[in-house]
Amino acid sequence: MPPVRISERSLEPITRQTLDRLSLLCCQGMEAFFAQNPRWAGYRSRFLYSVLAQGAALHYLDGRNGVKDFDCWAFYAFDERIGPLPPRGRRGKLDFGSSEFGRHPDDEGFQGRRVDVLARSIRSNTARDGILAVQEYLRTDRNDTPRLLAQKAVVVLEPAERRGEVIWYPTAAADATRCL
């Protein structure tokens, strides 16, 4: 087996296969969270979208930003009966595994790039399209997380039929789309 490339950022392109793998890891990360935290398990049925965000999503678009790690977010429609998902309590760290992306030098113990799986419950009219709910969250919520996410791109991981669509890009219209 060839040695793992270690670099701050990988410039390898993010492909449909990459998005498929990230979608699977995000789903596994959230299932592990719900299994360990049954108090929040009611959110399973309130799933809206999962996305790739921040620097890796920008790299998906421009091919120049590079991938330090993969930030995957799962969004759920807020349920007052359950309460909000803990904003700082959900950050799973998974391993993308051996791949062309190599490994970041700070991620000792990982075979490949780190995949952070994060989640938010957002206020949404569940009858509306989940993309609109996520876009509204990025556009109107003034907390740090949506403000920081809105500075870079957001790309759909799930549902599979929308995978690869760009639902947020700060230098273009918020509803710009691109599919592989």
N, C-alpha and C. Protein backbone atom coordinates (compact mmCIF):
# COMPACT_ATOMS: atom_id res chain seq x y z
N MET A 1 0.84 -1.17 0.00
CA MET A 1 0.00 0.00 0.00
C MET A 1 0.89 1.24 0.00
N PRO A 2 0.63 2.21 -0.91
CA PRO A 2 1.47 3.40 -0.97
C PRO A 2 1.30 4.25 0.30
N PRO A 3 2.33 5.02 0.65
CA PRO A 3 2.22 5.86 1.84
C PRO A 3 1.15 6.92 1.67
N VAL A 4 0.54 7.32 2.78
CA VAL A 4 -0.51 8.34 2.77
C VAL A 4 0.14 9.70 2.56
N ARG A 5 -0.40 10.46 1.61
CA ARG A 5 0.08 11.83 1.42
C ARG A 5 -0.42 12.69 2.56
N ILE A 6 0.49 13.41 3.18
CA ILE A 6 0.12 14.29 4.28
C ILE A 6 0.33 15.72 3.80
N SER A 7 -0.75 16.52 3.87
CA SER A 7 -0.67 17.91 3.42
C SER A 7 -1.75 18.73 4.13
N GLU A 8 -1.49 20.03 4.24
CA GLU A 8 -2.47 20.95 4.84
C GLU A 8 -3.79 20.88 4.07
N ARG A 9 -3.70 20.95 2.76
CA ARG A 9 -4.89 20.94 1.90
C ARG A 9 -4.66 20.04 0.70
N SER A 10 -5.69 19.31 0.34
CA SER A 10 -5.65 18.50 -0.86
C SER A 10 -6.30 19.28 -2.00
N LEU A 11 -5.70 19.23 -3.16
CA LEU A 11 -6.27 19.90 -4.33
C LEU A 11 -6.95 18.91 -5.27
N GLU A 12 -7.09 17.66 -4.82
CA GLU A 12 -7.79 16.66 -5.63
C GLU A 12 -9.25 17.09 -5.82
N PRO A 13 -9.82 16.84 -6.99
CA PRO A 13 -11.21 17.24 -7.22
C PRO A 13 -12.21 16.41 -6.38
N ILE A 14 -13.27 17.05 -5.97
CA ILE A 14 -14.37 16.36 -5.29
C ILE A 14 -15.33 15.90 -6.37
N THR A 15 -15.54 14.60 -6.44
CA THR A 15 -16.38 14.00 -7.48
C THR A 15 -17.71 13.53 -6.90
N ARG A 16 -18.54 13.00 -7.75
CA ARG A 16 -19.81 12.41 -7.31
C ARG A 16 -19.53 11.26 -6.34
N GLN A 17 -18.50 10.49 -6.60
CA GLN A 17 -18.13 9.38 -5.71
C GLN A 17 -17.74 9.92 -4.33
N THR A 18 -17.04 11.05 -4.29
CA THR A 18 -16.68 11.69 -3.02
C THR A 18 -17.94 12.08 -2.27
N LEU A 19 -18.89 12.70 -2.98
CA LEU A 19 -20.14 13.13 -2.34
C LEU A 19 -20.93 11.93 -1.84
N ASP A 20 -20.92 10.84 -2.60
CA ASP A 20 -21.61 9.61 -2.16
C ASP A 20 -21.02 9.12 -0.84
N ARG A 21 -19.70 9.09 -0.75
CA ARG A 21 -19.03 8.64 0.48
C ARG A 21 -19.33 9.57 1.65
N LEU A 22 -19.30 10.88 1.41
CA LEU A 22 -19.59 11.85 2.47
C LEU A 22 -21.04 11.73 2.95
N SER A 23 -21.95 11.48 2.03
CA SER A 23 -23.35 11.29 2.40
C SER A 23 -23.51 10.10 3.33
N LEU A 24 -22.85 9.00 2.98
CA LEU A 24 -22.90 7.80 3.81
C LEU A 24 -22.31 8.06 5.19
N LEU A 25 -21.16 8.72 5.25
CA LEU A 25 -20.53 9.03 6.54
C LEU A 25 -21.39 9.97 7.38
N CYS A 26 -22.03 10.95 6.76
CA CYS A 26 -22.90 11.86 7.49
C CYS A 26 -24.08 11.09 8.08
N CYS A 27 -24.67 10.22 7.29
CA CYS A 27 -25.79 9.40 7.79
C CYS A 27 -25.34 8.51 8.94
N GLN A 28 -24.20 7.86 8.80
CA GLN A 28 -23.68 7.00 9.87
C GLN A 28 -23.39 7.81 11.12
N GLY A 29 -22.83 8.99 10.95
CA GLY A 29 -22.53 9.84 12.09
C GLY A 29 -23.78 10.27 12.84
N MET A 30 -24.83 10.61 12.11
CA MET A 30 -26.07 11.02 12.76
C MET A 30 -26.76 9.83 13.42
N GLU A 31 -26.73 8.67 12.78
CA GLU A 31 -27.34 7.49 13.40
C GLU A 31 -26.63 7.14 14.70
N ALA A 32 -25.31 7.25 14.72
CA ALA A 32 -24.55 7.00 15.95
C ALA A 32 -24.94 8.01 17.03
N PHE A 33 -25.12 9.26 16.63
CA PHE A 33 -25.53 10.30 17.59
C PHE A 33 -26.90 9.96 18.19
N PHE A 34 -27.87 9.62 17.35
CA PHE A 34 -29.21 9.31 17.85
C PHE A 34 -29.20 8.05 18.72
N ALA A 35 -28.39 7.06 18.36
CA ALA A 35 -28.31 5.84 19.17
C ALA A 35 -27.73 6.13 20.55
N GLN A 36 -26.78 7.04 20.62
CA GLN A 36 -26.15 7.39 21.90
C GLN A 36 -26.95 8.42 22.69
N ASN A 37 -27.87 9.12 22.01
CA ASN A 37 -28.64 10.20 22.63
C ASN A 37 -30.12 10.06 22.29
N PRO A 38 -30.80 9.09 22.90
CA PRO A 38 -32.20 8.82 22.56
C PRO A 38 -33.12 10.03 22.77
N ARG A 39 -32.72 10.97 23.61
CA ARG A 39 -33.54 12.17 23.83
C ARG A 39 -33.79 12.91 22.52
N TRP A 40 -32.84 12.84 21.58
CA TRP A 40 -32.95 13.58 20.32
C TRP A 40 -33.44 12.70 19.16
N ALA A 41 -33.70 11.43 19.41
CA ALA A 41 -34.03 10.50 18.33
C ALA A 41 -35.29 10.89 17.56
N GLY A 42 -36.18 11.67 18.17
CA GLY A 42 -37.38 12.13 17.46
C GLY A 42 -37.05 12.98 16.24
N TYR A 43 -35.85 13.49 16.17
CA TYR A 43 -35.46 14.28 15.01
C TYR A 43 -35.21 13.44 13.77
N ARG A 44 -35.05 12.14 13.92
CA ARG A 44 -34.85 11.29 12.74
C ARG A 44 -35.94 11.54 11.69
N SER A 45 -37.17 11.67 12.13
CA SER A 45 -38.29 11.85 11.20
C SER A 45 -38.46 13.30 10.73
N ARG A 46 -37.62 14.20 11.19
CA ARG A 46 -37.72 15.62 10.84
C ARG A 46 -36.56 16.07 9.94
N PHE A 47 -35.89 15.09 9.33
CA PHE A 47 -34.74 15.38 8.47
C PHE A 47 -35.15 16.26 7.29
N LEU A 48 -34.34 17.28 7.02
CA LEU A 48 -34.56 18.15 5.86
C LEU A 48 -33.52 17.85 4.78
N TYR A 49 -32.26 18.12 5.08
CA TYR A 49 -31.17 17.96 4.12
C TYR A 49 -29.87 17.73 4.86
N SER A 50 -28.93 17.05 4.19
CA SER A 50 -27.56 17.07 4.66
C SER A 50 -26.73 17.70 3.55
N VAL A 51 -25.68 18.41 3.98
CA VAL A 51 -24.90 19.19 3.03
C VAL A 51 -23.41 19.11 3.35
N LEU A 52 -22.62 19.38 2.34
CA LEU A 52 -21.20 19.64 2.48
C LEU A 52 -21.07 21.15 2.51
N ALA A 53 -20.29 21.67 3.47
CA ALA A 53 -20.20 23.12 3.62
C ALA A 53 -18.75 23.57 3.78
N GLN A 54 -18.61 24.85 3.86
CA GLN A 54 -17.37 25.55 4.14
C GLN A 54 -16.32 25.30 3.07
N GLY A 55 -15.06 25.16 3.46
CA GLY A 55 -13.96 25.11 2.49
C GLY A 55 -14.05 24.00 1.48
N ALA A 56 -14.45 22.80 1.90
CA ALA A 56 -14.54 21.68 0.95
C ALA A 56 -15.64 21.93 -0.08
N ALA A 57 -16.74 22.55 0.34
CA ALA A 57 -17.81 22.87 -0.62
C ALA A 57 -17.32 23.92 -1.62
N LEU A 58 -16.57 24.87 -1.14
CA LEU A 58 -15.99 25.87 -2.03
C LEU A 58 -15.02 25.21 -3.01
N HIS A 59 -14.24 24.25 -2.52
CA HIS A 59 -13.32 23.52 -3.40
C HIS A 59 -14.09 22.72 -4.45
N TYR A 60 -15.22 22.17 -4.09
CA TYR A 60 -16.07 21.45 -5.05
C TYR A 60 -16.40 22.36 -6.23
N LEU A 61 -16.60 23.65 -5.94
CA LEU A 61 -16.96 24.60 -6.99
C LEU A 61 -15.76 25.16 -7.76
N ASP A 62 -14.72 25.55 -7.02
CA ASP A 62 -13.64 26.27 -7.70
C ASP A 62 -12.41 25.42 -7.99
N GLY A 63 -12.28 24.27 -7.31
CA GLY A 63 -11.11 23.42 -7.53
C GLY A 63 -9.80 24.03 -7.07
N ARG A 64 -9.86 25.21 -6.42
CA ARG A 64 -8.65 25.91 -6.01
C ARG A 64 -8.52 26.04 -4.49
N ASN A 65 -9.62 26.01 -3.78
CA ASN A 65 -9.59 26.25 -2.33
C ASN A 65 -8.83 25.18 -1.57
N GLY A 66 -8.95 23.96 -2.04
CA GLY A 66 -8.32 22.84 -1.34
C GLY A 66 -9.20 22.32 -0.21
N VAL A 67 -8.93 21.10 0.19
CA VAL A 67 -9.71 20.43 1.24
C VAL A 67 -8.81 20.21 2.44
N LYS A 68 -9.12 20.90 3.53
CA LYS A 68 -8.43 20.68 4.80
C LYS A 68 -9.13 19.52 5.52
N ASP A 69 -10.45 19.60 5.59
CA ASP A 69 -11.30 18.55 6.13
C ASP A 69 -12.65 18.68 5.44
N PHE A 70 -13.55 17.76 5.74
CA PHE A 70 -14.90 17.80 5.17
C PHE A 70 -15.88 18.15 6.28
N ASP A 71 -16.61 19.24 6.12
CA ASP A 71 -17.63 19.63 7.09
C ASP A 71 -19.00 19.28 6.53
N CYS A 72 -19.65 18.30 7.14
CA CYS A 72 -20.97 17.84 6.71
C CYS A 72 -21.99 18.24 7.78
N TRP A 73 -23.07 18.81 7.34
CA TRP A 73 -24.12 19.28 8.24
C TRP A 73 -25.42 18.58 7.91
N ALA A 74 -26.13 18.15 8.94
CA ALA A 74 -27.47 17.59 8.80
C ALA A 74 -28.45 18.60 9.40
N PHE A 75 -29.48 18.95 8.66
CA PHE A 75 -30.48 19.90 9.12
C PHE A 75 -31.81 19.19 9.34
N TYR A 76 -32.43 19.54 10.46
CA TYR A 76 -33.70 18.95 10.86
C TYR A 76 -34.68 20.08 11.17
N ALA A 77 -35.96 19.84 10.87
CA ALA A 77 -37.00 20.82 11.20
C ALA A 77 -37.17 20.86 12.72
N PHE A 78 -37.07 22.02 13.28
CA PHE A 78 -37.18 22.22 14.72
C PHE A 78 -38.51 21.68 15.25
N ASP A 79 -38.47 21.03 16.40
CA ASP A 79 -39.67 20.51 17.05
C ASP A 79 -39.67 21.02 18.49
N GLU A 80 -40.65 21.85 18.80
CA GLU A 80 -40.73 22.44 20.15
C GLU A 80 -40.92 21.38 21.23
N ARG A 81 -41.57 20.26 20.90
CA ARG A 81 -41.79 19.21 21.89
C ARG A 81 -40.48 18.56 22.30
N ILE A 82 -39.52 18.48 21.37
CA ILE A 82 -38.24 17.86 21.65
C ILE A 82 -37.23 18.89 22.16
N GLY A 83 -37.33 20.09 21.63
CA GLY A 83 -36.35 21.13 21.94
C GLY A 83 -35.26 21.14 20.88
N PRO A 84 -34.43 22.17 20.87
CA PRO A 84 -33.40 22.25 19.83
C PRO A 84 -32.30 21.22 20.03
N LEU A 85 -31.76 20.75 18.92
CA LEU A 85 -30.58 19.91 19.01
C LEU A 85 -29.48 20.73 19.69
N PRO A 86 -28.65 20.09 20.48
CA PRO A 86 -27.61 20.85 21.18
C PRO A 86 -26.63 21.48 20.19
N PRO A 87 -26.49 22.80 20.20
CA PRO A 87 -25.66 23.45 19.18
C PRO A 87 -24.19 23.06 19.24
N ARG A 88 -23.67 22.79 20.40
CA ARG A 88 -22.26 22.44 20.50
C ARG A 88 -22.05 20.96 20.84
N GLY A 89 -23.16 20.25 21.05
CA GLY A 89 -23.05 18.87 21.49
C GLY A 89 -22.97 17.86 20.36
N ARG A 90 -23.12 18.29 19.13
CA ARG A 90 -23.12 17.34 18.02
C ARG A 90 -21.99 17.66 17.06
N ARG A 91 -20.85 17.04 17.25
CA ARG A 91 -19.75 17.15 16.30
C ARG A 91 -19.03 15.83 16.27
N GLY A 92 -19.51 14.97 15.41
CA GLY A 92 -18.85 13.69 15.24
C GLY A 92 -17.64 13.85 14.35
N LYS A 93 -16.58 13.15 14.66
CA LYS A 93 -15.37 13.18 13.85
C LYS A 93 -15.15 11.79 13.28
N LEU A 94 -15.29 11.69 11.98
CA LEU A 94 -15.13 10.42 11.29
C LEU A 94 -13.94 10.49 10.34
N ASP A 95 -13.52 9.35 9.87
CA ASP A 95 -12.37 9.25 8.97
C ASP A 95 -12.86 8.96 7.56
N PHE A 96 -12.50 9.81 6.59
CA PHE A 96 -12.89 9.56 5.20
C PHE A 96 -12.24 8.27 4.70
N GLY A 97 -11.13 7.91 5.29
CA GLY A 97 -10.44 6.70 4.89
C GLY A 97 -9.39 6.99 3.84
N SER A 98 -8.63 5.99 3.52
CA SER A 98 -7.56 6.12 2.54
C SER A 98 -8.15 6.55 1.20
N SER A 99 -7.59 7.62 0.64
CA SER A 99 -8.09 8.14 -0.63
C SER A 99 -7.07 9.07 -1.25
N GLU A 100 -7.41 9.59 -2.41
CA GLU A 100 -6.56 10.55 -3.11
C GLU A 100 -6.41 11.86 -2.33
N PHE A 101 -7.27 12.10 -1.34
CA PHE A 101 -7.21 13.35 -0.57
C PHE A 101 -6.11 13.35 0.48
N GLY A 102 -5.55 12.19 0.77
CA GLY A 102 -4.50 12.11 1.78
C GLY A 102 -5.02 12.43 3.17
N ARG A 103 -4.13 12.96 4.02
CA ARG A 103 -4.49 13.25 5.41
C ARG A 103 -3.87 14.58 5.82
N HIS A 104 -4.60 15.31 6.68
CA HIS A 104 -4.08 16.55 7.25
C HIS A 104 -3.03 16.21 8.31
N PRO A 105 -1.94 16.96 8.42
CA PRO A 105 -0.88 16.62 9.38
C PRO A 105 -1.33 16.62 10.84
N ASP A 106 -2.35 17.37 11.19
CA ASP A 106 -2.82 17.42 12.58
C ASP A 106 -3.76 16.27 12.95
N ASP A 107 -4.19 15.50 11.97
CA ASP A 107 -5.18 14.45 12.22
C ASP A 107 -4.52 13.08 12.45
N GLU A 108 -3.70 13.02 13.49
CA GLU A 108 -3.05 11.77 13.87
C GLU A 108 -4.12 10.72 14.18
N GLY A 109 -3.87 9.51 13.77
CA GLY A 109 -4.80 8.42 14.04
C GLY A 109 -5.85 8.25 12.94
N PHE A 110 -5.88 9.14 11.97
CA PHE A 110 -6.80 9.04 10.84
C PHE A 110 -6.05 8.47 9.64
N GLN A 111 -6.73 7.66 8.84
CA GLN A 111 -6.15 7.18 7.59
C GLN A 111 -6.23 8.26 6.52
N GLY A 112 -7.32 9.03 6.56
CA GLY A 112 -7.57 10.04 5.53
C GLY A 112 -8.03 11.35 6.15
N ARG A 113 -8.68 12.15 5.35
CA ARG A 113 -9.18 13.45 5.80
C ARG A 113 -10.26 13.26 6.86
N ARG A 114 -10.28 14.17 7.81
CA ARG A 114 -11.30 14.16 8.86
C ARG A 114 -12.63 14.62 8.26
N VAL A 115 -13.70 13.97 8.68
CA VAL A 115 -15.05 14.36 8.30
C VAL A 115 -15.76 14.76 9.59
N ASP A 116 -16.09 16.04 9.69
CA ASP A 116 -16.86 16.53 10.83
C ASP A 116 -18.33 16.44 10.48
N VAL A 117 -19.11 15.78 11.33
CA VAL A 117 -20.55 15.66 11.12
C VAL A 117 -21.23 16.48 12.20
N LEU A 118 -21.94 17.52 11.76
CA LEU A 118 -22.60 18.45 12.67
C LEU A 118 -24.08 18.50 12.33
N ALA A 119 -24.89 18.95 13.27
CA ALA A 119 -26.33 18.99 13.03
C ALA A 119 -26.94 20.23 13.66
N ARG A 120 -28.04 20.67 13.06
CA ARG A 120 -28.82 21.78 13.59
C ARG A 120 -30.30 21.49 13.37
N SER A 121 -31.08 21.88 14.36
CA SER A 121 -32.53 21.91 14.18
C SER A 121 -32.85 23.36 13.85
N ILE A 122 -33.56 23.56 12.74
CA ILE A 122 -33.87 24.92 12.30
C ILE A 122 -35.37 25.10 12.17
N ARG A 123 -35.79 26.29 12.45
CA ARG A 123 -37.22 26.60 12.32
C ARG A 123 -37.58 26.56 10.85
N SER A 124 -38.63 25.81 10.55
CA SER A 124 -38.99 25.58 9.16
C SER A 124 -40.45 25.19 9.08
N ASN A 125 -41.09 25.62 8.04
CA ASN A 125 -42.42 25.11 7.72
C ASN A 125 -42.17 23.82 6.96
N THR A 126 -42.42 22.66 7.58
CA THR A 126 -42.06 21.38 6.97
C THR A 126 -42.78 21.13 5.65
N ALA A 127 -43.81 21.89 5.34
CA ALA A 127 -44.48 21.75 4.05
C ALA A 127 -43.65 22.40 2.94
N ARG A 128 -42.71 23.26 3.32
CA ARG A 128 -41.86 23.92 2.34
C ARG A 128 -40.71 23.03 1.96
N ASP A 129 -40.10 23.36 0.86
CA ASP A 129 -38.91 22.66 0.40
C ASP A 129 -37.79 22.83 1.42
N GLY A 130 -37.10 21.75 1.75
CA GLY A 130 -36.00 21.80 2.72
C GLY A 130 -34.88 22.72 2.28
N ILE A 131 -34.64 22.84 0.97
CA ILE A 131 -33.60 23.75 0.49
C ILE A 131 -33.94 25.18 0.87
N LEU A 132 -35.20 25.55 0.70
CA LEU A 132 -35.60 26.91 1.08
C LEU A 132 -35.42 27.14 2.57
N ALA A 133 -35.68 26.13 3.37
CA ALA A 133 -35.51 26.26 4.81
C ALA A 133 -34.04 26.47 5.17
N VAL A 134 -33.15 25.71 4.53
CA VAL A 134 -31.71 25.87 4.81
C VAL A 134 -31.24 27.23 4.31
N GLN A 135 -31.67 27.64 3.12
CA GLN A 135 -31.27 28.95 2.61
C GLN A 135 -31.77 30.08 3.51
N GLU A 136 -33.00 29.96 3.99
CA GLU A 136 -33.53 30.98 4.89
C GLU A 136 -32.72 31.04 6.18
N TYR A 137 -32.36 29.89 6.71
CA TYR A 137 -31.52 29.83 7.91
C TYR A 137 -30.19 30.56 7.67
N LEU A 138 -29.56 30.31 6.54
CA LEU A 138 -28.28 30.95 6.23
C LEU A 138 -28.45 32.46 6.02
N ARG A 139 -29.56 32.85 5.44
CA ARG A 139 -29.80 34.25 5.10
C ARG A 139 -30.23 35.09 6.30
N THR A 140 -31.00 34.50 7.22
CA THR A 140 -31.65 35.33 8.24
C THR A 140 -31.19 35.10 9.68
N ASP A 141 -30.68 33.90 9.99
CA ASP A 141 -30.27 33.64 11.37
C ASP A 141 -28.94 34.35 11.64
N ARG A 142 -28.87 35.12 12.69
CA ARG A 142 -27.68 35.94 12.97
C ARG A 142 -26.72 35.31 13.97
N ASN A 143 -26.89 34.05 14.29
CA ASN A 143 -25.93 33.37 15.15
C ASN A 143 -24.64 33.11 14.38
N ASP A 144 -23.59 32.75 15.10
CA ASP A 144 -22.29 32.54 14.47
C ASP A 144 -22.30 31.45 13.42
N THR A 145 -22.92 30.30 13.71
CA THR A 145 -22.86 29.17 12.78
C THR A 145 -23.41 29.52 11.40
N PRO A 146 -24.66 30.00 11.28
CA PRO A 146 -25.14 30.30 9.93
C PRO A 146 -24.37 31.43 9.26
N ARG A 147 -23.92 32.38 10.05
CA ARG A 147 -23.13 33.48 9.49
C ARG A 147 -21.84 32.95 8.87
N LEU A 148 -21.16 32.04 9.58
CA LEU A 148 -19.92 31.47 9.05
C LEU A 148 -20.18 30.52 7.87
N LEU A 149 -21.23 29.72 7.96
CA LEU A 149 -21.56 28.83 6.85
C LEU A 149 -21.89 29.62 5.59
N ALA A 150 -22.56 30.75 5.75
CA ALA A 150 -22.98 31.56 4.61
C ALA A 150 -21.81 32.24 3.89
N GLN A 151 -20.63 32.23 4.48
CA GLN A 151 -19.47 32.85 3.85
C GLN A 151 -18.88 31.99 2.73
N LYS A 152 -19.25 30.71 2.71
CA LYS A 152 -18.72 29.80 1.68
C LYS A 152 -19.89 29.04 1.07
N ALA A 153 -19.58 28.08 0.25
CA ALA A 153 -20.61 27.33 -0.47
C ALA A 153 -21.26 26.25 0.39
N VAL A 154 -22.45 25.82 -0.05
CA VAL A 154 -23.19 24.72 0.56
C VAL A 154 -23.70 23.82 -0.57
N VAL A 155 -23.37 22.53 -0.48
CA VAL A 155 -23.68 21.56 -1.55
C VAL A 155 -24.48 20.41 -0.94
N VAL A 156 -25.55 20.00 -1.61
CA VAL A 156 -26.42 18.93 -1.11
C VAL A 156 -25.73 17.58 -1.13
N LEU A 157 -25.87 16.85 -0.01
CA LEU A 157 -25.47 15.44 0.07
C LEU A 157 -26.71 14.54 0.02
N GLU A 158 -27.72 14.88 0.82
CA GLU A 158 -28.98 14.13 0.85
C GLU A 158 -30.14 15.11 0.83
N PRO A 159 -31.17 14.80 0.10
CA PRO A 159 -31.51 13.52 -0.53
C PRO A 159 -30.68 13.27 -1.79
N ALA A 160 -30.52 11.99 -2.10
CA ALA A 160 -29.63 11.56 -3.19
C ALA A 160 -29.99 12.18 -4.53
N GLU A 161 -31.28 12.37 -4.79
CA GLU A 161 -31.67 12.91 -6.10
C GLU A 161 -31.24 14.37 -6.27
N ARG A 162 -30.86 15.03 -5.20
CA ARG A 162 -30.40 16.43 -5.27
C ARG A 162 -28.89 16.53 -5.03
N ARG A 163 -28.24 15.40 -4.80
CA ARG A 163 -26.81 15.38 -4.46
C ARG A 163 -26.00 16.13 -5.52
N GLY A 164 -25.11 17.00 -5.03
CA GLY A 164 -24.25 17.77 -5.92
C GLY A 164 -24.79 19.14 -6.26
N GLU A 165 -26.04 19.42 -5.92
CA GLU A 165 -26.60 20.75 -6.20
C GLU A 165 -26.03 21.77 -5.22
N VAL A 166 -25.68 22.91 -5.75
CA VAL A 166 -25.20 24.01 -4.93
C VAL A 166 -26.42 24.82 -4.51
N ILE A 167 -26.65 24.89 -3.19
CA ILE A 167 -27.83 25.63 -2.72
C ILE A 167 -27.45 26.96 -2.08
N TRP A 168 -26.15 27.17 -1.94
CA TRP A 168 -25.70 28.46 -1.41
C TRP A 168 -24.31 28.74 -1.95
N TYR A 169 -24.15 29.91 -2.48
CA TYR A 169 -22.86 30.35 -2.97
C TYR A 169 -22.82 31.86 -2.80
N PRO A 170 -21.99 32.38 -1.92
CA PRO A 170 -22.07 33.78 -1.54
C PRO A 170 -21.80 34.78 -2.65
N THR A 171 -21.09 34.39 -3.71
CA THR A 171 -20.80 35.34 -4.77
C THR A 171 -21.78 35.23 -5.93
N ALA A 172 -22.79 34.39 -5.79
CA ALA A 172 -23.80 34.23 -6.82
C ALA A 172 -25.17 34.19 -6.14
N ALA A 173 -26.20 34.05 -6.93
CA ALA A 173 -27.54 33.95 -6.35
C ALA A 173 -27.60 32.77 -5.41
N ALA A 174 -28.32 32.91 -4.31
CA ALA A 174 -28.39 31.87 -3.29
C ALA A 174 -28.99 30.58 -3.82
N ASP A 175 -29.74 30.65 -4.89
CA ASP A 175 -30.36 29.43 -5.41
C ASP A 175 -29.62 28.89 -6.64
N ALA A 176 -28.35 29.30 -6.82
CA ALA A 176 -27.56 28.78 -7.93
C ALA A 176 -27.45 27.27 -7.80
N THR A 177 -27.51 26.57 -8.90
CA THR A 177 -27.40 25.12 -8.84
C THR A 177 -26.35 24.63 -9.83
N ARG A 178 -25.72 23.52 -9.47
CA ARG A 178 -24.74 22.86 -10.33
C ARG A 178 -24.82 21.38 -9.98
N CYS A 179 -24.86 20.56 -10.98
CA CYS A 179 -24.88 19.11 -10.76
C CYS A 179 -23.69 18.51 -11.48
N LEU A 180 -23.18 17.44 -10.91
CA LEU A 180 -22.10 16.69 -11.59
C LEU A 180 -22.68 15.91 -12.73
